[in-house]
Amino acid sequence: MGIQVEFNPDLALRDISEYKNGNRKLEECIPEDIKISEEYNFLKKGQRNYWLFGEIPLLETKGEGNLSKPIASIIILEAKHYLKDGEIYTKGRYKVMEVYKDDKTIHFNGFAKV
């Protein structure tokens, strides 16, 4: 038996419709009107580690590794692990640095900001 830890070079959250349809918690979804300089909470199932020393991309996930291009550039301010009903979760806060709505420019090379 080992320790399962996932290292994430990005933060991948669900579309806000998942919250509105009652499928996900608000913190598991991308804010509907995401704004620069605002701080938001996030929640992910599993024990996840994020890079805390700079900007990383915020992506939309549909699950199973199906990820969008970057929606925004964010800084993870804090990340904590906790147990609930025998399941481990990672929760935290992030700050939005830039928003890329309908922007076709490449802003990240992997997790390195261009």
Protein backbone atom coordinates (compact mmCIF):
# COMPACT_ATOMS: atom_id res chain seq x y z
CA MET A 1 0.00 0.00 0.00
CA GLY A 2 1.40 3.38 -0.97
CA ILE A 3 0.46 6.99 -0.66
CA GLN A 4 -1.48 8.26 -3.66
CA VAL A 5 -0.51 11.84 -4.45
CA GLU A 6 -1.18 13.69 -7.69
CA PHE A 7 1.05 16.56 -8.82
CA ASN A 8 -0.96 19.06 -10.87
CA PRO A 9 0.72 21.71 -13.07
CA ASP A 10 -2.67 23.41 -13.44
CA LEU A 11 -6.00 23.77 -11.66
CA ALA A 12 -8.77 22.01 -13.57
CA LEU A 13 -12.33 22.79 -12.48
CA ARG A 14 -15.78 22.02 -13.90
CA ASP A 15 -18.12 24.31 -15.82
CA ILE A 16 -20.48 26.30 -13.56
CA SER A 17 -23.43 24.42 -15.10
CA GLU A 18 -22.35 21.38 -13.04
CA TYR A 19 -23.09 23.41 -9.88
CA LYS A 20 -26.34 24.83 -11.25
CA ASN A 21 -27.52 21.31 -12.13
CA GLY A 22 -26.71 20.08 -8.60
CA ASN A 23 -23.90 17.75 -9.72
CA ARG A 24 -20.97 19.59 -8.09
CA LYS A 25 -20.19 21.98 -5.26
CA LEU A 26 -19.57 25.63 -6.16
CA GLU A 27 -15.86 25.32 -5.25
CA GLU A 28 -15.46 22.52 -7.81
CA CYS A 29 -16.47 24.86 -10.65
CA ILE A 30 -15.08 27.84 -12.54
CA PRO A 31 -16.80 31.03 -11.39
CA GLU A 32 -19.46 32.26 -13.82
CA ASP A 33 -18.08 35.80 -14.01
CA ILE A 34 -14.40 35.25 -13.25
CA LYS A 35 -12.58 38.53 -12.56
CA ILE A 36 -8.96 39.63 -12.44
CA SER A 37 -7.56 40.21 -8.92
CA GLU A 38 -10.45 38.30 -7.29
CA GLU A 39 -9.84 35.33 -4.99
CA TYR A 40 -11.89 32.14 -5.21
CA ASN A 41 -12.05 28.85 -3.32
CA PHE A 42 -11.47 25.50 -4.99
CA LEU A 43 -12.15 21.87 -4.08
CA LYS A 44 -10.71 18.74 -5.69
CA LYS A 45 -11.10 15.09 -4.75
CA GLY A 46 -7.80 13.40 -3.96
CA GLN A 47 -4.50 14.44 -2.44
CA ARG A 48 -3.11 16.99 -4.90
CA ASN A 49 0.00 19.12 -4.90
CA TYR A 50 0.14 22.41 -6.78
CA TRP A 51 3.02 24.72 -7.64
CA LEU A 52 2.81 27.74 -5.31
CA PHE A 53 5.68 29.90 -6.61
CA GLY A 54 4.06 31.53 -9.62
CA GLU A 55 1.22 31.57 -12.08
CA ILE A 56 -0.40 28.39 -13.38
CA PRO A 57 -3.24 27.88 -15.86
CA LEU A 58 -6.87 27.50 -14.81
CA LEU A 59 -8.53 24.95 -17.10
CA GLU A 60 -12.00 23.52 -17.52
CA THR A 61 -12.26 19.75 -17.16
CA LYS A 62 -14.99 17.46 -18.35
CA GLY A 63 -13.29 14.54 -16.56
CA GLU A 64 -11.13 11.67 -17.79
CA GLY A 65 -8.29 14.06 -18.69
CA ASN A 66 -10.48 16.05 -21.11
CA LEU A 67 -9.11 19.58 -20.53
CA SER A 68 -9.67 22.97 -22.17
CA LYS A 69 -7.04 25.51 -23.16
CA PRO A 70 -6.22 27.95 -20.32
CA ILE A 71 -9.19 30.06 -19.24
CA ALA A 72 -7.13 32.20 -16.87
CA SER A 73 -3.76 32.56 -15.20
CA ILE A 74 -3.94 32.07 -11.43
CA ILE A 75 -1.79 31.90 -8.34
CA ILE A 76 -2.61 29.24 -5.76
CA LEU A 77 -2.63 31.05 -2.41
CA GLU A 78 -3.19 27.99 -0.24
CA ALA A 79 -3.94 24.29 -0.53
CA LYS A 80 -4.95 21.96 2.30
CA HIS A 81 -5.67 18.25 2.46
CA TYR A 82 -8.44 16.80 4.62
CA LEU A 83 -10.50 13.64 5.13
CA LYS A 84 -14.28 13.46 4.82
CA ASP A 85 -16.20 10.20 5.05
CA GLY A 86 -13.02 8.21 4.39
CA GLU A 87 -12.14 10.19 1.23
CA ILE A 88 -9.26 12.63 0.92
CA TYR A 89 -9.83 16.08 -0.62
CA THR A 90 -7.72 19.12 -1.44
CA LYS A 91 -9.23 22.55 -0.90
CA GLY A 92 -7.74 25.99 -1.17
CA ARG A 93 -7.82 29.49 -2.59
CA TYR A 94 -6.54 31.02 -5.79
CA LYS A 95 -6.19 34.55 -7.15
CA VAL A 96 -6.93 35.38 -10.80
CA MET A 97 -4.10 37.25 -12.54
CA GLU A 98 -5.39 37.28 -16.15
CA VAL A 99 -8.53 36.06 -17.95
CA TYR A 100 -8.34 34.65 -21.50
CA LYS A 101 -11.96 34.61 -22.73
CA ASP A 102 -11.98 34.01 -26.51
CA ASP A 103 -8.24 34.78 -26.66
CA LYS A 104 -6.42 32.59 -29.22
CA THR A 105 -2.92 33.61 -28.03
CA ILE A 106 -0.76 30.95 -26.39
CA HIS A 107 -0.15 31.97 -22.76
CA PHE A 108 1.46 28.82 -21.31
CA ASN A 109 4.01 26.27 -22.48
CA GLY A 110 3.06 23.38 -20.23
CA PHE A 111 2.78 25.13 -16.89
CA ALA A 112 5.41 27.79 -17.75
CA LYS A 113 3.82 31.16 -18.49
CA VAL A 114 4.83 32.59 -21.88
